[in-house]
N, C-alpha and C. Protein backbone atom coordinates (compact mmCIF):
# COMPACT_ATOMS: atom_id res chain seq x y z
N MET A 1 -7.35 -9.82 30.62
CA MET A 1 -6.18 -9.26 30.56
C MET A 1 -5.37 -8.88 30.09
N PRO A 2 -4.40 -9.05 28.37
CA PRO A 2 -3.40 -9.43 28.26
C PRO A 2 -1.97 -8.95 28.83
N ILE A 3 -0.40 -10.01 28.81
CA ILE A 3 -0.08 -8.73 28.60
C ILE A 3 0.04 -7.94 28.08
N GLN A 4 1.22 -7.45 27.33
CA GLN A 4 1.69 -6.33 26.15
C GLN A 4 2.92 -6.11 27.01
N ILE A 5 3.94 -6.63 26.59
CA ILE A 5 5.91 -6.30 26.78
C ILE A 5 6.53 -5.26 25.22
N GLY A 6 6.78 -4.56 26.23
CA GLY A 6 7.68 -3.35 24.44
C GLY A 6 6.57 -2.20 24.28
N GLN A 7 4.80 -2.71 25.06
CA GLN A 7 4.18 -1.66 23.42
C GLN A 7 3.33 -0.61 24.45
N LYS A 8 3.02 0.17 23.75
CA LYS A 8 2.20 1.22 25.55
C LYS A 8 -0.32 0.63 24.94
N GLN A 9 -0.31 0.71 26.69
CA GLN A 9 -1.22 0.43 26.83
C GLN A 9 -2.15 0.71 25.74
N GLU A 10 -2.77 0.07 25.23
CA GLU A 10 -3.91 1.66 24.30
C GLU A 10 -4.56 2.09 25.38
N SER A 11 -4.94 3.59 25.49
CA SER A 11 -6.08 4.45 26.83
C SER A 11 -7.58 3.71 25.41
N ASP A 12 -8.68 4.68 26.90
CA ASP A 12 -10.22 4.14 26.07
C ASP A 12 -11.04 5.41 25.83
N PHE A 13 -11.99 5.67 25.88
CA PHE A 13 -12.54 6.24 26.13
C PHE A 13 -13.31 7.44 27.38
N SER A 14 -12.25 6.51 28.54
CA SER A 14 -12.49 7.41 29.77
C SER A 14 -11.04 8.41 29.09
N ASP A 15 -9.86 8.09 28.45
CA ASP A 15 -9.13 9.09 28.35
C ASP A 15 -9.21 9.23 26.83
N PRO A 16 -9.61 10.20 25.93
CA PRO A 16 -10.39 10.50 24.70
C PRO A 16 -8.64 10.97 23.76
N LEU A 17 -8.18 11.97 24.74
CA LEU A 17 -6.52 11.76 24.76
C LEU A 17 -5.95 11.07 23.44
N GLY A 18 -5.96 10.54 24.60
CA GLY A 18 -5.24 9.05 24.58
C GLY A 18 -5.15 8.63 23.31
N LEU A 19 -7.14 8.14 23.72
CA LEU A 19 -7.20 7.57 21.73
C LEU A 19 -7.00 7.73 20.88
N LEU A 20 -7.33 9.05 20.63
CA LEU A 20 -7.17 9.75 19.51
C LEU A 20 -5.00 10.16 18.98
N SER A 21 -4.78 9.63 19.76
CA SER A 21 -3.53 9.31 19.86
C SER A 21 -3.06 8.62 19.13
N ASP A 22 -4.19 7.15 20.29
CA ASP A 22 -3.54 6.26 19.82
C ASP A 22 -4.18 5.80 18.36
N CYS A 23 -5.15 6.79 18.36
CA CYS A 23 -4.97 5.85 16.41
C CYS A 23 -4.50 7.19 15.07
N HIS A 24 -3.67 7.32 15.42
CA HIS A 24 -3.14 8.79 14.95
C HIS A 24 -1.75 6.99 14.68
N ARG A 25 -1.30 6.20 15.92
CA ARG A 25 -0.71 5.12 15.11
C ARG A 25 -0.63 4.28 14.26
N ARG A 26 -2.55 4.05 14.31
CA ARG A 26 -2.68 2.96 13.21
C ARG A 26 -2.92 3.53 12.17
N ILE A 27 -2.90 4.79 11.98
CA ILE A 27 -3.39 5.61 10.28
C ILE A 27 -1.94 5.50 10.24
N GLU A 28 -1.01 5.47 11.25
CA GLU A 28 0.72 5.72 10.51
C GLU A 28 0.74 4.26 10.25
N ARG A 29 1.23 3.68 11.12
CA ARG A 29 1.30 1.41 10.80
C ARG A 29 -0.26 1.67 8.64
N PHE A 30 -0.62 1.80 9.14
CA PHE A 30 -1.55 1.40 8.13
C PHE A 30 -1.29 2.24 6.84
N LEU A 31 -1.03 3.79 6.92
CA LEU A 31 -0.27 3.77 5.91
C LEU A 31 0.69 3.94 5.29
N GLY A 32 1.74 2.88 5.89
CA GLY A 32 2.50 2.68 5.71
C GLY A 32 2.62 1.07 4.73
N VAL A 33 1.86 0.29 5.22
CA VAL A 33 1.33 -1.17 5.19
C VAL A 33 0.79 -0.14 3.02
N LEU A 34 -0.35 0.77 3.64
CA LEU A 34 -0.06 1.43 1.98
C LEU A 34 0.83 1.42 0.67
N ILE A 35 1.59 2.70 1.60
CA ILE A 35 2.83 3.10 0.57
C ILE A 35 3.71 1.48 0.78
N ARG A 36 4.34 0.75 1.38
CA ARG A 36 4.92 -0.12 1.25
C ARG A 36 4.91 -1.24 -0.50
N ILE A 37 3.51 -1.92 0.28
CA ILE A 37 2.65 -2.62 -1.38
C ILE A 37 2.77 -2.20 -2.48
N CYS A 38 2.20 -0.71 -2.74
CA CYS A 38 1.91 0.32 -3.90
C CYS A 38 3.64 0.52 -4.29
N GLN A 39 4.14 1.18 -3.96
CA GLN A 39 5.87 0.39 -3.99
C GLN A 39 6.56 -0.52 -4.48
N LYS A 40 6.63 -1.99 -4.49
CA LYS A 40 6.01 -2.74 -4.09
C LYS A 40 5.98 -4.02 -4.94
N GLY A 41 4.48 -3.81 -4.81
CA GLY A 41 4.06 -4.15 -6.30
C GLY A 41 3.43 -2.83 -7.46
N ASP A 42 3.81 -2.27 -7.60
CA ASP A 42 4.39 -0.55 -8.80
C ASP A 42 2.06 -1.56 -9.81
N GLY A 43 2.11 -1.40 -8.63
CA GLY A 43 0.49 -1.86 -9.74
C GLY A 43 0.45 -3.40 -10.31
N GLY A 44 1.72 -3.83 -9.50
CA GLY A 44 1.22 -5.52 -10.59
C GLY A 44 0.54 -6.48 -9.91
N PRO A 45 0.04 -7.23 -9.93
CA PRO A 45 0.25 -8.91 -9.34
C PRO A 45 0.62 -8.62 -8.50
N MET A 46 0.02 -9.70 -7.26
CA MET A 46 -0.33 -9.33 -5.65
C MET A 46 0.31 -10.70 -5.30
N GLN A 47 1.08 -10.97 -3.95
CA GLN A 47 0.67 -12.45 -2.96
C GLN A 47 0.10 -12.41 -2.64
N ALA A 48 -1.09 -12.89 -1.33
CA ALA A 48 -1.62 -13.42 -1.38
C ALA A 48 -2.03 -12.40 -0.08
N ASP A 49 -0.64 -12.31 0.85
CA ASP A 49 -1.18 -11.44 2.24
C ASP A 49 -0.63 -10.42 1.93
N GLU A 50 -0.12 -9.85 0.84
CA GLU A 50 -0.08 -8.64 -0.20
C GLU A 50 -1.49 -7.87 -0.30
N ARG A 51 -2.38 -9.40 -1.13
CA ARG A 51 -3.90 -8.71 -1.00
C ARG A 51 -4.17 -8.32 0.19
N SER A 52 -4.24 -8.95 1.33
CA SER A 52 -4.65 -9.02 2.48
C SER A 52 -4.36 -8.29 3.39
N ALA A 53 -3.41 -7.59 2.63
CA ALA A 53 -2.33 -6.08 4.43
C ALA A 53 -2.84 -5.46 3.11
N LEU A 54 -3.02 -4.68 2.16
CA LEU A 54 -3.71 -4.01 1.40
C LEU A 54 -5.44 -4.37 1.56
N GLU A 55 -5.97 -4.72 1.72
CA GLU A 55 -7.84 -4.90 2.07
C GLU A 55 -8.29 -4.43 3.19
N THR A 56 -7.16 -4.85 4.24
CA THR A 56 -6.82 -4.48 5.38
C THR A 56 -6.79 -2.93 5.98
N ALA A 57 -5.98 -2.45 5.47
CA ALA A 57 -5.85 -1.13 4.99
C ALA A 57 -6.74 -0.74 4.92
N LEU A 58 -7.58 -0.88 3.82
CA LEU A 58 -8.67 0.00 2.64
C LEU A 58 -9.22 0.68 3.55
N THR A 59 -10.03 -0.58 4.25
CA THR A 59 -11.01 -0.91 5.14
C THR A 59 -11.06 -0.09 6.45
N TYR A 60 -9.43 -0.59 7.02
CA TYR A 60 -9.33 0.90 7.63
C TYR A 60 -9.78 2.10 7.77
N PHE A 61 -9.50 2.76 6.60
CA PHE A 61 -9.45 3.63 6.23
C PHE A 61 -10.73 4.45 6.05
N ARG A 62 -11.52 3.74 5.42
CA ARG A 62 -12.80 3.61 4.64
C ARG A 62 -13.22 2.76 5.79
N ASN A 63 -13.12 2.75 7.77
CA ASN A 63 -14.05 2.31 8.07
C ASN A 63 -14.11 3.51 9.61
N ALA A 64 -12.89 3.16 10.41
CA ALA A 64 -12.18 3.67 11.36
C ALA A 64 -11.44 5.31 11.08
N ALA A 65 -10.70 5.95 9.70
CA ALA A 65 -10.70 6.89 10.17
C ALA A 65 -11.66 8.16 9.74
N PRO A 66 -12.75 8.12 9.48
CA PRO A 66 -13.87 8.60 9.22
C PRO A 66 -14.31 9.38 10.67
N LYS A 67 -14.09 7.73 11.13
CA LYS A 67 -15.06 8.19 13.35
C LYS A 67 -14.39 9.18 13.08
N HIS A 68 -12.60 9.08 13.27
CA HIS A 68 -10.66 10.03 14.11
C HIS A 68 -11.49 10.80 13.64
N THR A 69 -11.95 11.95 12.26
CA THR A 69 -11.88 12.83 12.25
C THR A 69 -13.23 13.61 12.97
N ALA A 70 -14.43 12.72 12.78
CA ALA A 70 -15.79 12.44 13.28
C ALA A 70 -15.47 13.17 14.67
N ASP A 71 -14.10 12.57 15.62
CA ASP A 71 -14.10 12.43 16.99
C ASP A 71 -13.32 14.46 17.22
N GLU A 72 -12.67 14.51 15.49
CA GLU A 72 -11.87 15.41 16.56
C GLU A 72 -12.92 16.49 16.03
N GLU A 73 -13.66 15.98 14.87
CA GLU A 73 -14.10 18.12 14.74
C GLU A 73 -15.43 17.98 14.78
N ASP A 74 -15.55 17.22 15.66
CA ASP A 74 -17.82 17.23 16.15
C ASP A 74 -17.52 17.06 17.96
N SER A 75 -16.87 16.44 17.84
CA SER A 75 -16.52 16.74 19.33
C SER A 75 -15.16 17.26 20.16
N LEU A 76 -14.21 17.48 19.74
CA LEU A 76 -12.75 18.11 19.81
C LEU A 76 -13.30 19.22 19.77
N PHE A 77 -12.39 19.68 18.55
CA PHE A 77 -12.69 21.72 17.99
C PHE A 77 -13.40 22.24 17.92
N PRO A 78 -14.98 21.44 17.84
CA PRO A 78 -15.57 23.24 19.15
C PRO A 78 -15.15 23.12 20.10
N ARG A 79 -14.97 22.62 20.78
CA ARG A 79 -15.13 22.66 22.42
C ARG A 79 -14.02 22.93 22.50
N LEU A 80 -12.64 23.07 22.04
CA LEU A 80 -11.61 24.49 21.98
C LEU A 80 -11.64 26.11 21.30
N ARG A 81 -12.73 25.39 19.85
CA ARG A 81 -13.47 26.94 19.12
C ARG A 81 -14.47 27.55 20.29
N ALA A 82 -14.74 26.89 20.86
CA ALA A 82 -15.29 28.00 23.14
C ALA A 82 -14.19 28.14 23.70
N ALA A 83 -13.78 27.54 23.63
CA ALA A 83 -12.79 28.39 24.95
C ALA A 83 -11.59 29.04 24.11
N GLU A 84 -11.56 29.36 22.90
CA GLU A 84 -11.06 29.88 21.94
C GLU A 84 -10.24 30.61 22.67
N ARG A 85 -9.58 28.68 21.80
CA ARG A 85 -7.87 28.90 21.79
C ARG A 85 -7.65 27.93 20.65
N ALA A 86 -6.78 27.60 19.84
CA ALA A 86 -6.25 27.51 18.96
C ALA A 86 -6.84 27.37 17.42
N VAL A 87 -8.10 28.72 17.71
CA VAL A 87 -8.53 28.61 16.51
C VAL A 87 -7.92 28.40 14.62
N GLU A 88 -7.04 29.00 14.41
CA GLU A 88 -6.54 29.41 13.63
C GLU A 88 -5.07 28.30 13.13
N CYS A 89 -5.28 27.34 14.34
CA CYS A 89 -4.92 25.98 13.88
C CYS A 89 -5.51 24.88 13.92
N LEU A 90 -6.99 24.72 14.49
CA LEU A 90 -7.83 24.35 14.43
C LEU A 90 -8.37 24.38 12.50
N ASP A 91 -8.93 25.75 12.08
CA ASP A 91 -9.03 25.37 10.65
C ASP A 91 -7.59 25.63 10.28
N ARG A 92 -6.31 25.51 10.17
CA ARG A 92 -5.37 24.40 9.49
C ARG A 92 -6.35 22.84 9.19
N LEU A 93 -6.11 22.57 10.77
CA LEU A 93 -6.41 21.36 10.17
C LEU A 93 -7.72 20.50 9.93
N GLU A 94 -8.20 21.00 10.35
CA GLU A 94 -9.70 20.85 9.38
C GLU A 94 -9.17 21.01 7.69
N GLY A 95 -8.67 21.81 7.41
CA GLY A 95 -8.65 21.79 5.79
C GLY A 95 -7.67 20.59 5.77
N ASP A 96 -6.72 19.86 6.24
CA ASP A 96 -6.93 19.06 6.59
C ASP A 96 -7.02 17.88 5.43
N HIS A 97 -7.74 17.52 7.05
CA HIS A 97 -8.69 16.43 6.70
C HIS A 97 -9.65 16.47 5.13
N VAL A 98 -9.46 17.84 4.60
CA VAL A 98 -10.69 18.15 3.55
C VAL A 98 -9.78 16.63 2.45
N ALA A 99 -8.39 18.19 2.72
CA ALA A 99 -7.64 17.94 1.27
C ALA A 99 -7.08 15.58 1.04
N ALA A 100 -7.02 15.35 2.76
CA ALA A 100 -6.70 13.97 2.70
C ALA A 100 -8.06 13.80 2.54
N GLY A 101 -8.40 14.08 2.50
CA GLY A 101 -10.23 12.67 1.67
C GLY A 101 -10.10 12.87 0.40
N ARG A 102 -9.68 14.24 -0.38
CA ARG A 102 -9.57 13.82 -1.16
C ARG A 102 -8.45 12.51 -1.93
N ASP A 103 -6.95 12.87 -0.96
CA ASP A 103 -6.18 11.18 -1.42
C ASP A 103 -6.95 10.24 -0.92
N HIS A 104 -7.60 10.37 0.12
CA HIS A 104 -7.80 9.13 0.00
C HIS A 104 -8.85 7.88 -0.34
N ASP A 105 -9.32 9.54 -1.88
CA ASP A 105 -11.08 8.80 -2.05
C ASP A 105 -10.07 8.47 -3.58
N ILE A 106 -8.84 8.97 -3.89
CA ILE A 106 -8.19 8.32 -4.79
C ILE A 106 -7.72 7.20 -4.55
N VAL A 107 -6.79 6.80 -3.56
CA VAL A 107 -6.18 6.00 -2.72
C VAL A 107 -7.55 4.06 -3.15
N GLU A 108 -8.55 4.63 -2.16
CA GLU A 108 -9.50 4.15 -2.24
C GLU A 108 -10.25 3.58 -3.51
N SER A 109 -10.99 4.02 -4.22
CA SER A 109 -10.79 3.65 -6.17
C SER A 109 -9.71 2.88 -6.58
N LEU A 110 -8.54 3.32 -6.57
CA LEU A 110 -7.69 2.64 -7.47
C LEU A 110 -7.06 1.29 -6.56
N GLY A 111 -7.02 0.96 -5.18
CA GLY A 111 -6.67 0.22 -4.21
C GLY A 111 -7.19 -1.04 -5.07
N THR A 112 -9.57 -0.75 -4.48
CA THR A 112 -10.47 -1.39 -4.43
C THR A 112 -10.15 -2.34 -6.92
N GLN A 113 -10.52 -1.01 -7.58
CA GLN A 113 -9.17 -1.71 -8.30
C GLN A 113 -8.43 -2.72 -8.51
N TRP A 114 -7.40 -2.68 -7.23
CA TRP A 114 -5.83 -3.83 -7.69
C TRP A 114 -5.98 -4.57 -8.07
N LEU A 115 -7.33 -4.41 -5.98
CA LEU A 115 -7.91 -5.89 -5.37
C LEU A 115 -8.65 -6.84 -6.24
N ARG A 116 -9.39 -5.71 -7.54
CA ARG A 116 -10.71 -6.80 -8.40
C ARG A 116 -9.98 -7.10 -9.78
N ASP A 117 -9.20 -6.45 -10.39
CA ASP A 117 -8.63 -6.24 -11.59
C ASP A 117 -7.65 -7.02 -11.15
N GLY A 118 -6.13 -7.34 -10.26
CA GLY A 118 -5.20 -8.04 -10.62
C GLY A 118 -4.11 -6.70 -10.72
N ALA A 119 -4.92 -5.81 -11.25
CA ALA A 119 -3.03 -5.00 -12.10
C ALA A 119 -4.18 -2.94 -12.15
N LEU A 120 -3.12 -2.47 -11.72
CA LEU A 120 -3.92 -1.13 -12.80
C LEU A 120 -1.94 -0.95 -14.15
N THR A 121 -3.42 -0.49 -14.06
CA THR A 121 -2.01 0.54 -15.62
C THR A 121 -1.08 1.08 -15.30
N GLY A 122 0.11 1.91 -15.55
CA GLY A 122 1.08 2.94 -14.97
C GLY A 122 0.41 3.23 -14.14
N ASN A 123 0.05 4.82 -15.12
CA ASN A 123 -0.88 5.53 -15.18
C ASN A 123 -2.02 5.41 -13.39
N GLN A 124 -2.18 4.45 -13.33
CA GLN A 124 -3.54 4.74 -12.50
C GLN A 124 -2.11 4.30 -11.62
N ALA A 125 -1.26 3.45 -11.43
CA ALA A 125 0.33 3.40 -10.33
C ALA A 125 0.85 4.43 -9.91
N ARG A 126 1.42 4.65 -10.63
CA ARG A 126 1.74 6.17 -10.45
C ARG A 126 1.08 7.18 -9.91
N GLU A 127 -0.37 6.95 -9.77
CA GLU A 127 -1.49 8.02 -9.53
C GLU A 127 -1.68 7.45 -7.88
N MET A 128 -1.83 6.58 -7.13
CA MET A 128 -1.94 6.02 -6.18
C MET A 128 -0.88 6.45 -5.59
N ARG A 129 0.09 6.07 -5.71
CA ARG A 129 1.79 6.28 -6.05
C ARG A 129 2.24 8.01 -5.03
N GLU A 130 1.61 8.27 -5.42
CA GLU A 130 1.59 10.48 -5.72
C GLU A 130 0.46 10.95 -4.57
N ALA A 131 -0.58 10.39 -4.46
CA ALA A 131 -1.98 10.12 -3.83
C ALA A 131 -1.06 9.86 -2.53
N LEU A 132 -0.08 8.55 -2.06
CA LEU A 132 -0.03 8.43 -0.47
C LEU A 132 1.50 9.38 -0.41
N GLU A 133 1.95 9.26 -1.41
CA GLU A 133 3.05 10.70 -0.90
C GLU A 133 2.06 12.08 0.24
N ARG A 134 1.44 12.62 -1.20
CA ARG A 134 0.38 13.93 -0.51
C ARG A 134 -0.07 13.01 0.53
N LEU A 135 -0.57 12.38 1.39
CA LEU A 135 -0.85 11.28 2.56
C LEU A 135 0.26 10.85 3.38
N ALA A 136 1.59 10.54 3.07
CA ALA A 136 1.97 10.45 4.13
C ALA A 136 3.07 12.63 4.39
N GLY A 137 3.11 12.96 3.65
CA GLY A 137 3.67 14.23 4.01
C GLY A 137 2.82 15.13 4.91
N LEU A 138 1.18 15.22 3.88
CA LEU A 138 0.02 15.62 5.71
C LEU A 138 -0.34 15.45 6.92
N TYR A 139 0.09 13.86 6.77
CA TYR A 139 -0.15 12.97 7.90
C TYR A 139 0.83 13.37 8.61
N ALA A 140 2.02 13.12 8.01
CA ALA A 140 3.43 13.60 9.70
C ALA A 140 3.37 15.24 10.13
N ARG A 141 2.88 15.71 9.23
CA ARG A 141 3.12 16.85 9.60
C ARG A 141 1.83 17.45 10.73
N HIS A 142 1.00 16.72 10.69
CA HIS A 142 -1.30 16.94 11.15
C HIS A 142 -0.70 16.32 12.42
N ILE A 143 -0.42 14.85 12.55
CA ILE A 143 -0.23 13.50 13.68
C ILE A 143 0.90 14.61 14.35
N ALA A 144 1.60 15.52 13.66
CA ALA A 144 2.91 16.57 14.89
C ALA A 144 1.87 16.70 15.92
N ILE A 145 1.39 17.53 14.98
CA ILE A 145 0.75 19.18 15.38
C ILE A 145 -0.32 18.92 16.46
N GLU A 146 -1.55 18.01 16.17
CA GLU A 146 -2.27 17.83 16.79
C GLU A 146 -1.43 16.63 19.13
N ASP A 147 -0.31 15.77 18.45
CA ASP A 147 0.10 15.34 19.57
C ASP A 147 1.22 15.88 20.70
N THR A 148 1.17 16.92 19.83
CA THR A 148 2.88 18.35 20.14
C THR A 148 2.28 18.94 20.83
N GLU A 149 1.04 19.38 20.02
CA GLU A 149 0.62 21.02 20.82
C GLU A 149 -0.92 21.52 21.04
N LEU A 150 -1.84 20.29 19.53
CA LEU A 150 -3.50 20.78 20.39
C LEU A 150 -3.70 19.81 21.43
N PHE A 151 -3.24 18.81 21.57
CA PHE A 151 -4.06 17.46 22.64
C PHE A 151 -3.24 17.70 24.02
N PRO A 152 -2.27 18.89 24.43
CA PRO A 152 -2.35 18.82 25.28
C PRO A 152 -2.97 20.05 25.87
N LEU A 153 -2.44 21.41 24.53
CA LEU A 153 -3.37 22.88 24.81
C LEU A 153 -4.62 21.28 25.45
N ALA A 154 -5.79 21.52 24.49
CA ALA A 154 -6.73 20.62 24.87
C ALA A 154 -7.01 19.90 26.36
N ALA A 155 -5.64 18.94 27.20
CA ALA A 155 -6.03 18.69 28.57
C ALA A 155 -5.50 19.30 29.64
N GLN A 156 -5.01 20.63 28.83
CA GLN A 156 -4.33 21.89 30.29
C GLN A 156 -6.17 22.95 30.05
N VAL A 157 -6.91 23.07 28.55
CA VAL A 157 -8.09 24.40 28.51
C VAL A 157 -9.23 23.70 28.95
N LEU A 158 -9.65 22.77 29.04
CA LEU A 158 -10.72 21.80 28.82
C LEU A 158 -11.15 20.74 29.27
N PRO A 159 -11.97 21.56 30.25
CA PRO A 159 -12.57 20.80 31.31
C PRO A 159 -12.48 19.25 31.39
N ALA A 160 -12.55 18.56 33.08
CA ALA A 160 -12.18 16.93 32.74
C ALA A 160 -14.56 17.15 32.57
N ASP A 161 -15.54 17.39 32.71
CA ASP A 161 -16.30 17.16 31.87
C ASP A 161 -16.94 17.23 30.67
N GLN A 162 -16.21 17.90 29.66
CA GLN A 162 -16.22 18.35 28.55
C GLN A 162 -14.99 17.53 28.08
N LEU A 163 -14.71 16.52 28.14
CA LEU A 163 -13.16 15.63 28.32
C LEU A 163 -13.94 14.30 28.02
N ALA A 164 -14.57 13.75 29.15
CA ALA A 164 -15.35 12.91 29.41
C ALA A 164 -16.79 12.71 28.53
N ALA A 165 -17.03 13.90 28.42
CA ALA A 165 -18.24 14.62 26.99
C ALA A 165 -18.14 13.73 25.01
N VAL A 166 -16.60 14.50 25.06
CA VAL A 166 -15.76 13.40 24.63
C VAL A 166 -15.16 12.42 24.26
N GLY A 167 -15.45 11.50 24.89
CA GLY A 167 -14.64 10.91 25.29
C GLY A 167 -16.66 10.03 24.85
N ARG A 168 -17.41 10.23 25.62
CA ARG A 168 -18.14 9.66 25.00
C ARG A 168 -19.32 9.66 22.99
N GLU A 169 -18.93 10.65 23.15
CA GLU A 169 -19.50 10.77 22.13
C GLU A 169 -18.49 9.98 21.22
N MET A 170 -17.21 9.70 21.08
CA MET A 170 -16.95 8.91 20.38
C MET A 170 -17.14 7.53 20.71
N ALA A 171 -17.21 6.52 21.28
CA ALA A 171 -18.12 5.37 22.14
C ALA A 171 -19.41 5.26 21.18
N ASN A 172 -20.37 6.57 21.30
CA ASN A 172 -21.52 6.83 20.66
C ASN A 172 -20.90 5.98 19.55
N ARG A 173 -20.23 7.17 18.74
CA ARG A 173 -19.66 6.38 17.30
C ARG A 173 -19.18 5.63 16.74
N ARG A 174 -19.15 4.45 17.97
CA ARG A 174 -18.93 3.62 17.22
C ARG A 174 -20.30 2.03 18.01
N GLY A 175 -20.48 3.10 18.42
CA GLY A 175 -22.20 1.56 19.22
C GLY A 175 -21.09 1.21 20.53
N VAL A 176 -20.46 1.98 21.45
CA VAL A 176 -19.92 1.41 22.18
C VAL A 176 -20.66 1.68 23.98
N VAL A 177 -21.29 1.47 24.38
CA VAL A 177 -21.88 1.51 25.20
C VAL A 177 -20.92 1.73 27.67
N THR A 178 -20.67 2.56 27.45
CA THR A 178 -19.18 2.93 28.33
C THR A 178 -20.70 3.30 29.37
N ASP A 179 -20.13 2.90 30.95
CA ASP A 179 -20.78 3.91 32.34
C ASP A 179 -19.11 3.99 32.52
N ALA A 180 -18.66 4.18 33.85
CA ALA A 180 -17.91 4.98 34.71
C ALA A 180 -16.26 4.60 35.09
N GLY A 181 -17.37 3.24 34.57
CA GLY A 181 -15.49 1.65 34.88
C GLY A 181 -15.63 1.13 33.54
N SER A 182 -15.95 1.79 32.35
CA SER A 182 -15.17 0.50 31.31
C SER A 182 -13.97 1.24 30.84
N LYS A 183 -13.35 0.30 30.25
CA LYS A 183 -12.03 -0.64 29.94
C LYS A 183 -12.26 -0.22 28.41
N THR A 184 -12.37 0.01 28.04
CA THR A 184 -12.82 -0.17 26.18
C THR A 184 -12.51 1.14 25.09
N GLY A 185 -11.97 0.49 24.28
CA GLY A 185 -11.62 1.33 22.57
C GLY A 185 -11.30 0.74 22.20
N ARG A 186 -11.65 1.04 21.33
CA ARG A 186 -10.78 1.32 19.42
C ARG A 186 -10.70 2.82 18.71
């Protein structure tokens, strides 16, 4: 196993709440990449490293982020609802997922066009910046609620077998086969 200095070891499917929180760090990192590229490039020509970073960030949000949302909405949230805890909070968080989806669609469309055409119009660049600004504000609030309130609550009220089931469902969404000793994750 590689040694990591200065970084927390990433969680695995045996710790689904930790894995969800780790995913939040990736969301923040890739959103930051999109914001920096958009601010710096302002819809104009990009350097090769900027194009690569834009493509990588768009790919992350296109492929991995929907799995994260499903992990929450299809696996974790229903179990918390059944425990009759945080129902109002869960409704608000699900609303955030819908709003984020709309802005991600804008960023995906314009980012893909930017990569394809090499430039965006001034209005398109502004629209992309505005969508990213909305996402930054939404995620800052949303992630703080989940990391500091919802995940600790889930750890407190959900039995170990339900948390293990959440981890197995997360693994299944990614096509990862796990067993009791598995230490894989993403």
